[in-house]
Amino acid sequence: MSSVNKVILIGNVGNDPEVRYLDRGVAIANFNLATTERGYVMQNGTQVPDKTDWHAIVLWRNLAEWAERFVRKGMKLYIEGKLQTRTWEKDGQIRRKTEVIAENVQILYRPEEYRNLGREDRNTNRDEAPVQHEEQTPAAPVFDDDNIF
C-alpha cells in the first residue's frame, strides 16, 4: 500500500526569505508562514481566541531564487509541498525540526508596499507568475483574494 505526504497551506509570510547558495550554486530559501484559525464566541458566551501556527518553509533551486526576488514579509501565500522532519545532535541533545518542503508557491496577496516588486522584469514573464518545482506538473488552484477566509 502506498502513502501520501501532501501539505497545502494558505498563510502570511512571517519574515523575508533567507536564501543561501550551496555547492554548485544550488539555492535554498527558508522562511516562516503563519496560519491562523479565527476565534469565536461559544453559545455560553465563552470567548475562544485566535490560534496561530507557524510553519517552517523550505524552497529549493529555481523556487528559492524566485522567492528571493518576489516573496516578502506580510504577503499571503498558497503553498503545496510535503512534510519532512530532520534530526541532528547538538551539544549532546537530539534535535528535531519538521519543515514543509514547498513544491508549488503562489502569491495571493501583496501588501501595498510590495505591489510593484519585480515590475522591472515585466519582459521576462517572471513577474507574478506562480512557480512550481521542476518535477511538479499539476497547477495549483487559483484563489480570489476577496473570497479567502
N, C-alpha and C. Protein backbone atom coordinates (compact mmCIF):
# COMPACT_ATOMS: atom_id res chain seq x y z
N MET A 1 0.84 -1.17 0.00
CA MET A 1 0.00 0.00 0.00
C MET A 1 0.89 1.23 0.00
N SER A 2 0.56 2.19 -0.85
CA SER A 2 1.35 3.42 -0.91
C SER A 2 0.87 4.41 0.14
N SER A 3 1.60 5.49 0.29
CA SER A 3 1.24 6.51 1.26
C SER A 3 1.26 7.88 0.58
N VAL A 4 0.74 8.89 1.29
CA VAL A 4 0.67 10.24 0.76
C VAL A 4 1.27 11.19 1.78
N ASN A 5 2.12 12.08 1.31
CA ASN A 5 2.69 13.13 2.14
C ASN A 5 2.44 14.44 1.40
N LYS A 6 1.33 15.10 1.70
CA LYS A 6 0.91 16.30 0.97
C LYS A 6 0.45 17.34 1.98
N VAL A 7 0.96 18.56 1.83
CA VAL A 7 0.58 19.68 2.69
C VAL A 7 0.11 20.82 1.80
N ILE A 8 -1.00 21.44 2.17
CA ILE A 8 -1.48 22.64 1.50
C ILE A 8 -1.70 23.69 2.58
N LEU A 9 -1.06 24.84 2.42
CA LEU A 9 -1.17 25.92 3.40
C LEU A 9 -1.53 27.22 2.69
N ILE A 10 -2.34 28.03 3.34
CA ILE A 10 -2.56 29.42 2.94
C ILE A 10 -2.30 30.24 4.19
N GLY A 11 -1.31 31.12 4.11
CA GLY A 11 -0.97 31.89 5.29
C GLY A 11 -0.12 33.10 4.95
N ASN A 12 0.32 33.78 5.99
CA ASN A 12 1.09 35.01 5.85
C ASN A 12 2.56 34.77 6.15
N VAL A 13 3.41 35.33 5.30
CA VAL A 13 4.87 35.19 5.46
C VAL A 13 5.29 35.98 6.70
N GLY A 14 6.03 35.33 7.59
CA GLY A 14 6.44 35.95 8.84
C GLY A 14 7.76 36.69 8.76
N ASN A 15 8.59 36.37 7.79
CA ASN A 15 9.88 37.03 7.62
C ASN A 15 10.33 36.90 6.17
N ASP A 16 11.14 37.86 5.72
CA ASP A 16 11.68 37.75 4.36
C ASP A 16 12.46 36.44 4.24
N PRO A 17 12.40 35.80 3.08
CA PRO A 17 13.14 34.55 2.91
C PRO A 17 14.64 34.75 3.13
N GLU A 18 15.23 33.79 3.81
CA GLU A 18 16.69 33.76 3.98
C GLU A 18 17.20 32.79 2.92
N VAL A 19 17.97 33.30 1.97
CA VAL A 19 18.43 32.49 0.85
C VAL A 19 19.93 32.32 0.93
N ARG A 20 20.37 31.09 0.73
CA ARG A 20 21.80 30.82 0.67
C ARG A 20 22.05 29.87 -0.49
N TYR A 21 23.29 29.84 -0.91
CA TYR A 21 23.67 29.02 -2.06
C TYR A 21 24.65 27.95 -1.61
N LEU A 22 24.32 26.70 -1.91
CA LEU A 22 25.17 25.58 -1.56
C LEU A 22 26.19 25.34 -2.68
N ASP A 23 26.98 24.30 -2.53
CA ASP A 23 27.93 23.92 -3.57
C ASP A 23 27.22 23.79 -4.91
N ARG A 24 27.90 24.13 -5.96
CA ARG A 24 27.38 24.06 -7.32
C ARG A 24 26.25 25.06 -7.58
N GLY A 25 26.11 26.06 -6.72
CA GLY A 25 25.14 27.12 -6.95
C GLY A 25 23.70 26.78 -6.67
N VAL A 26 23.44 25.70 -5.95
CA VAL A 26 22.06 25.31 -5.62
C VAL A 26 21.52 26.24 -4.54
N ALA A 27 20.39 26.89 -4.84
CA ALA A 27 19.79 27.84 -3.89
C ALA A 27 18.82 27.13 -2.96
N ILE A 28 18.79 27.59 -1.70
CA ILE A 28 17.82 27.12 -0.71
C ILE A 28 17.30 28.35 0.04
N ALA A 29 15.98 28.43 0.18
CA ALA A 29 15.35 29.55 0.89
C ALA A 29 14.57 29.01 2.07
N ASN A 30 14.59 29.75 3.16
CA ASN A 30 13.85 29.40 4.38
C ASN A 30 13.08 30.62 4.86
N PHE A 31 11.84 30.41 5.26
CA PHE A 31 11.06 31.44 5.92
C PHE A 31 9.94 30.78 6.70
N ASN A 32 9.27 31.55 7.54
CA ASN A 32 8.16 31.04 8.33
C ASN A 32 6.84 31.54 7.75
N LEU A 33 5.83 30.69 7.83
CA LEU A 33 4.49 31.03 7.36
C LEU A 33 3.52 30.84 8.52
N ALA A 34 2.69 31.84 8.77
CA ALA A 34 1.69 31.77 9.85
C ALA A 34 0.32 31.43 9.27
N THR A 35 -0.32 30.43 9.87
CA THR A 35 -1.71 30.14 9.55
C THR A 35 -2.52 30.38 10.82
N THR A 36 -3.68 31.00 10.67
CA THR A 36 -4.47 31.38 11.84
C THR A 36 -5.90 30.86 11.73
N GLU A 37 -6.33 30.16 12.77
CA GLU A 37 -7.73 29.77 12.90
C GLU A 37 -8.41 30.87 13.70
N ARG A 38 -9.42 31.47 13.12
CA ARG A 38 -10.10 32.59 13.77
C ARG A 38 -10.84 32.14 15.03
N GLY A 39 -10.80 32.99 16.05
CA GLY A 39 -11.50 32.73 17.29
C GLY A 39 -13.00 32.90 17.11
N TYR A 40 -13.74 32.54 18.14
CA TYR A 40 -15.20 32.64 18.08
C TYR A 40 -15.75 32.70 19.50
N VAL A 41 -17.03 32.98 19.60
CA VAL A 41 -17.72 33.00 20.88
C VAL A 41 -18.67 31.82 20.93
N MET A 42 -18.53 31.00 21.96
CA MET A 42 -19.39 29.83 22.11
C MET A 42 -20.79 30.27 22.54
N GLN A 43 -21.75 29.38 22.44
CA GLN A 43 -23.13 29.71 22.79
C GLN A 43 -23.26 30.15 24.24
N ASN A 44 -22.39 29.64 25.13
CA ASN A 44 -22.47 30.03 26.55
C ASN A 44 -21.72 31.33 26.83
N GLY A 45 -21.20 31.98 25.77
CA GLY A 45 -20.52 33.26 25.93
C GLY A 45 -19.01 33.18 26.09
N THR A 46 -18.47 31.96 26.15
CA THR A 46 -17.03 31.80 26.30
C THR A 46 -16.32 32.22 25.01
N GLN A 47 -15.32 33.07 25.17
CA GLN A 47 -14.54 33.56 24.03
C GLN A 47 -13.39 32.60 23.76
N VAL A 48 -13.32 32.05 22.55
CA VAL A 48 -12.20 31.21 22.12
C VAL A 48 -11.31 32.10 21.25
N PRO A 49 -10.05 32.31 21.66
CA PRO A 49 -9.17 33.24 20.92
C PRO A 49 -8.67 32.65 19.60
N ASP A 50 -8.13 33.54 18.75
CA ASP A 50 -7.47 33.10 17.53
C ASP A 50 -6.33 32.16 17.91
N LYS A 51 -6.04 31.19 17.02
CA LYS A 51 -4.91 30.28 17.24
C LYS A 51 -4.02 30.32 16.01
N THR A 52 -2.77 30.75 16.19
CA THR A 52 -1.82 30.86 15.09
C THR A 52 -0.77 29.76 15.20
N ASP A 53 -0.54 29.08 14.09
CA ASP A 53 0.53 28.09 14.00
C ASP A 53 1.58 28.62 13.04
N TRP A 54 2.83 28.34 13.34
CA TRP A 54 3.95 28.76 12.49
C TRP A 54 4.55 27.54 11.82
N HIS A 55 4.81 27.66 10.53
CA HIS A 55 5.34 26.55 9.74
C HIS A 55 6.67 26.97 9.12
N ALA A 56 7.66 26.11 9.23
CA ALA A 56 8.97 26.35 8.61
C ALA A 56 8.88 25.90 7.15
N ILE A 57 9.11 26.83 6.23
CA ILE A 57 9.00 26.56 4.80
C ILE A 57 10.40 26.52 4.19
N VAL A 58 10.64 25.52 3.34
CA VAL A 58 11.93 25.37 2.64
C VAL A 58 11.65 25.30 1.15
N LEU A 59 12.38 26.10 0.37
CA LEU A 59 12.26 26.09 -1.08
C LEU A 59 13.65 25.83 -1.66
N TRP A 60 13.69 25.07 -2.75
CA TRP A 60 14.94 24.70 -3.38
C TRP A 60 15.04 25.24 -4.79
N ARG A 61 16.24 25.41 -5.26
CA ARG A 61 16.61 25.72 -6.65
C ARG A 61 15.88 26.93 -7.21
N ASN A 62 15.21 26.79 -8.37
CA ASN A 62 14.59 27.95 -9.01
C ASN A 62 13.47 28.54 -8.16
N LEU A 63 12.80 27.73 -7.37
CA LEU A 63 11.75 28.23 -6.49
C LEU A 63 12.36 29.12 -5.40
N ALA A 64 13.53 28.76 -4.90
CA ALA A 64 14.22 29.57 -3.89
C ALA A 64 14.67 30.90 -4.50
N GLU A 65 15.19 30.86 -5.71
CA GLU A 65 15.62 32.09 -6.38
C GLU A 65 14.43 33.01 -6.65
N TRP A 66 13.30 32.43 -7.04
CA TRP A 66 12.07 33.20 -7.26
C TRP A 66 11.63 33.87 -5.96
N ALA A 67 11.64 33.11 -4.86
CA ALA A 67 11.22 33.65 -3.56
C ALA A 67 12.14 34.78 -3.12
N GLU A 68 13.42 34.67 -3.40
CA GLU A 68 14.37 35.71 -3.03
C GLU A 68 13.99 37.04 -3.70
N ARG A 69 13.49 36.97 -4.91
CA ARG A 69 13.13 38.18 -5.66
C ARG A 69 11.74 38.71 -5.33
N PHE A 70 10.78 37.83 -5.04
CA PHE A 70 9.39 38.25 -5.00
C PHE A 70 8.65 38.07 -3.67
N VAL A 71 9.14 37.25 -2.77
CA VAL A 71 8.41 36.97 -1.52
C VAL A 71 8.94 37.87 -0.41
N ARG A 72 8.02 38.52 0.30
CA ARG A 72 8.38 39.40 1.41
C ARG A 72 7.44 39.18 2.59
N LYS A 73 7.92 39.59 3.74
CA LYS A 73 7.14 39.52 4.98
C LYS A 73 5.79 40.20 4.77
N GLY A 74 4.72 39.54 5.25
CA GLY A 74 3.39 40.12 5.19
C GLY A 74 2.56 39.63 4.02
N MET A 75 3.18 39.04 3.00
CA MET A 75 2.42 38.55 1.86
C MET A 75 1.62 37.31 2.24
N LYS A 76 0.50 37.13 1.57
CA LYS A 76 -0.30 35.91 1.74
C LYS A 76 0.07 34.97 0.62
N LEU A 77 0.44 33.72 0.99
CA LEU A 77 0.88 32.73 0.02
C LEU A 77 0.02 31.47 0.07
N TYR A 78 -0.08 30.83 -1.08
CA TYR A 78 -0.60 29.47 -1.20
C TYR A 78 0.63 28.59 -1.39
N ILE A 79 0.76 27.54 -0.57
CA ILE A 79 1.92 26.66 -0.65
C ILE A 79 1.45 25.21 -0.68
N GLU A 80 1.99 24.45 -1.63
CA GLU A 80 1.81 23.00 -1.68
C GLU A 80 3.18 22.38 -1.47
N GLY A 81 3.23 21.30 -0.73
CA GLY A 81 4.50 20.63 -0.54
C GLY A 81 4.34 19.36 0.25
N LYS A 82 5.41 18.96 0.90
CA LYS A 82 5.40 17.75 1.71
C LYS A 82 6.12 18.01 3.03
N LEU A 83 5.76 17.25 4.05
CA LEU A 83 6.41 17.38 5.35
C LEU A 83 7.70 16.57 5.36
N GLN A 84 8.70 17.14 6.02
CA GLN A 84 9.96 16.43 6.19
C GLN A 84 10.49 16.78 7.58
N THR A 85 10.90 15.78 8.32
CA THR A 85 11.47 16.01 9.65
C THR A 85 12.95 15.68 9.62
N ARG A 86 13.76 16.65 10.03
CA ARG A 86 15.20 16.46 10.13
C ARG A 86 15.56 16.20 11.59
N THR A 87 16.56 15.36 11.81
CA THR A 87 17.05 15.06 13.15
C THR A 87 18.56 15.24 13.16
N TRP A 88 19.08 15.90 14.20
CA TRP A 88 20.52 16.08 14.34
C TRP A 88 20.85 16.20 15.82
N GLU A 89 22.13 16.11 16.12
CA GLU A 89 22.59 16.22 17.50
C GLU A 89 23.38 17.51 17.66
N LYS A 90 23.08 18.24 18.73
CA LYS A 90 23.82 19.46 19.04
C LYS A 90 24.01 19.53 20.55
N ASP A 91 25.23 19.71 20.96
CA ASP A 91 25.57 19.78 22.39
C ASP A 91 25.04 18.59 23.16
N GLY A 92 25.11 17.40 22.56
CA GLY A 92 24.66 16.19 23.24
C GLY A 92 23.16 16.00 23.26
N GLN A 93 22.42 16.91 22.67
CA GLN A 93 20.95 16.82 22.64
C GLN A 93 20.49 16.46 21.23
N ILE A 94 19.52 15.57 21.15
CA ILE A 94 18.91 15.24 19.86
C ILE A 94 17.89 16.34 19.54
N ARG A 95 18.01 16.91 18.37
CA ARG A 95 17.09 17.98 17.93
C ARG A 95 16.29 17.49 16.74
N ARG A 96 15.05 17.98 16.64
CA ARG A 96 14.19 17.65 15.51
C ARG A 96 13.51 18.91 15.01
N LYS A 97 13.33 18.96 13.71
CA LYS A 97 12.61 20.08 13.12
C LYS A 97 11.78 19.55 11.95
N THR A 98 10.49 19.86 11.98
CA THR A 98 9.61 19.48 10.89
C THR A 98 9.43 20.69 9.98
N GLU A 99 9.63 20.48 8.68
CA GLU A 99 9.56 21.55 7.70
C GLU A 99 8.62 21.15 6.57
N VAL A 100 8.11 22.17 5.88
CA VAL A 100 7.34 21.95 4.67
C VAL A 100 8.28 22.21 3.50
N ILE A 101 8.53 21.18 2.71
CA ILE A 101 9.35 21.32 1.51
C ILE A 101 8.39 21.71 0.39
N ALA A 102 8.44 22.98 0.00
CA ALA A 102 7.47 23.52 -0.96
C ALA A 102 7.78 23.04 -2.37
N GLU A 103 6.72 22.67 -3.09
CA GLU A 103 6.84 22.26 -4.49
C GLU A 103 6.09 23.22 -5.41
N ASN A 104 5.20 24.01 -4.84
CA ASN A 104 4.39 24.95 -5.61
C ASN A 104 4.05 26.13 -4.70
N VAL A 105 4.29 27.34 -5.16
CA VAL A 105 4.02 28.54 -4.37
C VAL A 105 3.34 29.57 -5.26
N GLN A 106 2.30 30.20 -4.72
CA GLN A 106 1.64 31.30 -5.43
C GLN A 106 1.42 32.46 -4.46
N ILE A 107 1.65 33.67 -4.95
CA ILE A 107 1.36 34.86 -4.16
C ILE A 107 -0.13 35.16 -4.32
N LEU A 108 -0.84 35.21 -3.20
CA LEU A 108 -2.27 35.51 -3.22
C LEU A 108 -2.55 36.98 -2.93
N TYR A 109 -1.69 37.60 -2.13
CA TYR A 109 -1.90 39.00 -1.76
C TYR A 109 -0.56 39.63 -1.44
N ARG A 110 -0.38 40.85 -1.93
CA ARG A 110 0.83 41.64 -1.63
C ARG A 110 0.41 42.89 -0.87
N PRO A 111 1.00 43.16 0.28
CA PRO A 111 0.74 44.45 0.93
C PRO A 111 1.13 45.58 -0.01
N GLU A 112 0.53 46.72 0.16
CA GLU A 112 0.72 47.87 -0.74
C GLU A 112 2.20 48.17 -0.99
N GLU A 113 3.04 48.04 0.03
CA GLU A 113 4.45 48.38 -0.12
C GLU A 113 5.19 47.47 -1.09
N TYR A 114 4.60 46.31 -1.44
CA TYR A 114 5.25 45.37 -2.35
C TYR A 114 4.53 45.24 -3.69
N ARG A 115 3.57 46.08 -3.97
CA ARG A 115 2.76 45.96 -5.19
C ARG A 115 3.59 46.00 -6.47
N ASN A 116 4.66 46.78 -6.51
CA ASN A 116 5.46 46.92 -7.73
C ASN A 116 6.71 46.06 -7.73
N LEU A 117 6.84 45.17 -6.75
CA LEU A 117 8.01 44.31 -6.65
C LEU A 117 8.15 43.48 -7.93
N GLY A 118 9.29 43.58 -8.59
CA GLY A 118 9.54 42.79 -9.79
C GLY A 118 9.02 43.39 -11.07
N ARG A 119 8.43 44.56 -11.04
CA ARG A 119 7.87 45.16 -12.26
C ARG A 119 8.93 45.44 -13.31
N GLU A 120 10.18 45.63 -12.87
CA GLU A 120 11.24 45.92 -13.84
C GLU A 120 11.53 44.72 -14.73
N ASP A 121 11.04 43.54 -14.34
CA ASP A 121 11.27 42.33 -15.12
C ASP A 121 10.06 41.93 -15.95
N ARG A 122 9.21 42.86 -16.28
CA ARG A 122 7.97 42.57 -16.98
C ARG A 122 8.23 41.80 -18.28
N ASN A 123 9.33 42.07 -18.95
CA ASN A 123 9.62 41.40 -20.22
C ASN A 123 10.10 39.97 -20.07
N THR A 124 10.42 39.54 -18.87
CA THR A 124 10.93 38.18 -18.68
C THR A 124 9.82 37.19 -18.35
N ASN A 125 8.58 37.68 -18.18
CA ASN A 125 7.44 36.84 -17.82
C ASN A 125 7.62 36.15 -16.48
N ARG A 126 8.48 36.67 -15.61
CA ARG A 126 8.66 36.08 -14.30
C ARG A 126 7.92 36.88 -13.24
N ASP A 127 7.35 38.05 -13.62
CA ASP A 127 6.75 38.95 -12.64
C ASP A 127 5.71 38.28 -11.79
N GLU A 128 4.91 38.03 -11.46
CA GLU A 128 3.96 37.45 -10.54
C GLU A 128 3.57 36.03 -10.90
N ALA A 129 4.29 35.42 -11.79
CA ALA A 129 3.93 34.07 -12.22
C ALA A 129 4.13 33.09 -11.08
N PRO A 130 3.18 32.17 -10.90
CA PRO A 130 3.38 31.14 -9.90
C PRO A 130 4.53 30.24 -10.34
N VAL A 131 5.25 29.73 -9.39
CA VAL A 131 6.41 28.91 -9.69
C VAL A 131 6.20 27.54 -9.11
N GLN A 132 6.54 26.53 -9.87
CA GLN A 132 6.48 25.17 -9.38
C GLN A 132 7.86 24.55 -9.47
N HIS A 133 8.12 23.61 -8.57
CA HIS A 133 9.34 22.84 -8.64
C HIS A 133 9.36 22.11 -9.97
N GLU A 134 10.53 21.87 -10.53
CA GLU A 134 10.62 21.29 -11.87
C GLU A 134 9.85 19.98 -11.99
N GLU A 135 9.79 19.18 -10.93
CA GLU A 135 9.17 17.87 -11.01
C GLU A 135 7.66 17.92 -10.81
N GLN A 136 7.13 19.03 -10.38
CA GLN A 136 5.70 19.17 -10.12
C GLN A 136 4.98 19.57 -11.40
N THR A 137 3.95 18.85 -11.80
CA THR A 137 3.26 19.19 -13.03
C THR A 137 1.87 19.79 -12.84
N PRO A 138 1.03 19.33 -11.88
CA PRO A 138 -0.31 19.92 -11.79
C PRO A 138 -0.25 21.37 -11.33
N ALA A 139 -1.12 22.20 -11.88
CA ALA A 139 -1.20 23.60 -11.47
C ALA A 139 -2.03 23.71 -10.20
N ALA A 140 -1.71 24.69 -9.36
CA ALA A 140 -2.45 24.92 -8.12
C ALA A 140 -3.74 25.65 -8.44
N PRO A 141 -4.76 25.47 -7.59
CA PRO A 141 -6.00 26.21 -7.82
C PRO A 141 -5.77 27.71 -7.71
N VAL A 142 -6.57 28.47 -8.40
CA VAL A 142 -6.48 29.93 -8.35
C VAL A 142 -7.51 30.41 -7.36
N PHE A 143 -7.12 31.31 -6.47
CA PHE A 143 -8.00 31.83 -5.45
C PHE A 143 -8.27 33.30 -5.70
N ASP A 144 -9.49 33.72 -5.43
CA ASP A 144 -9.88 35.12 -5.50
C ASP A 144 -9.56 35.74 -4.15
N ASP A 145 -8.73 36.79 -4.13
CA ASP A 145 -8.32 37.42 -2.86
C ASP A 145 -9.49 37.82 -1.98
N ASP A 146 -10.62 38.20 -2.59
CA ASP A 146 -11.76 38.67 -1.81
C ASP A 146 -12.53 37.53 -1.15
N ASN A 147 -12.30 36.29 -1.58
CA ASN A 147 -13.06 35.18 -1.04
C ASN A 147 -12.23 34.24 -0.17
N ILE A 148 -11.05 34.69 0.25
CA ILE A 148 -10.23 33.86 1.11
C ILE A 148 -10.56 34.20 2.55
N PHE A 149 -11.09 33.28 3.23
CA PHE A 149 -11.48 33.38 4.65
C PHE A 149 -12.23 34.65 4.85
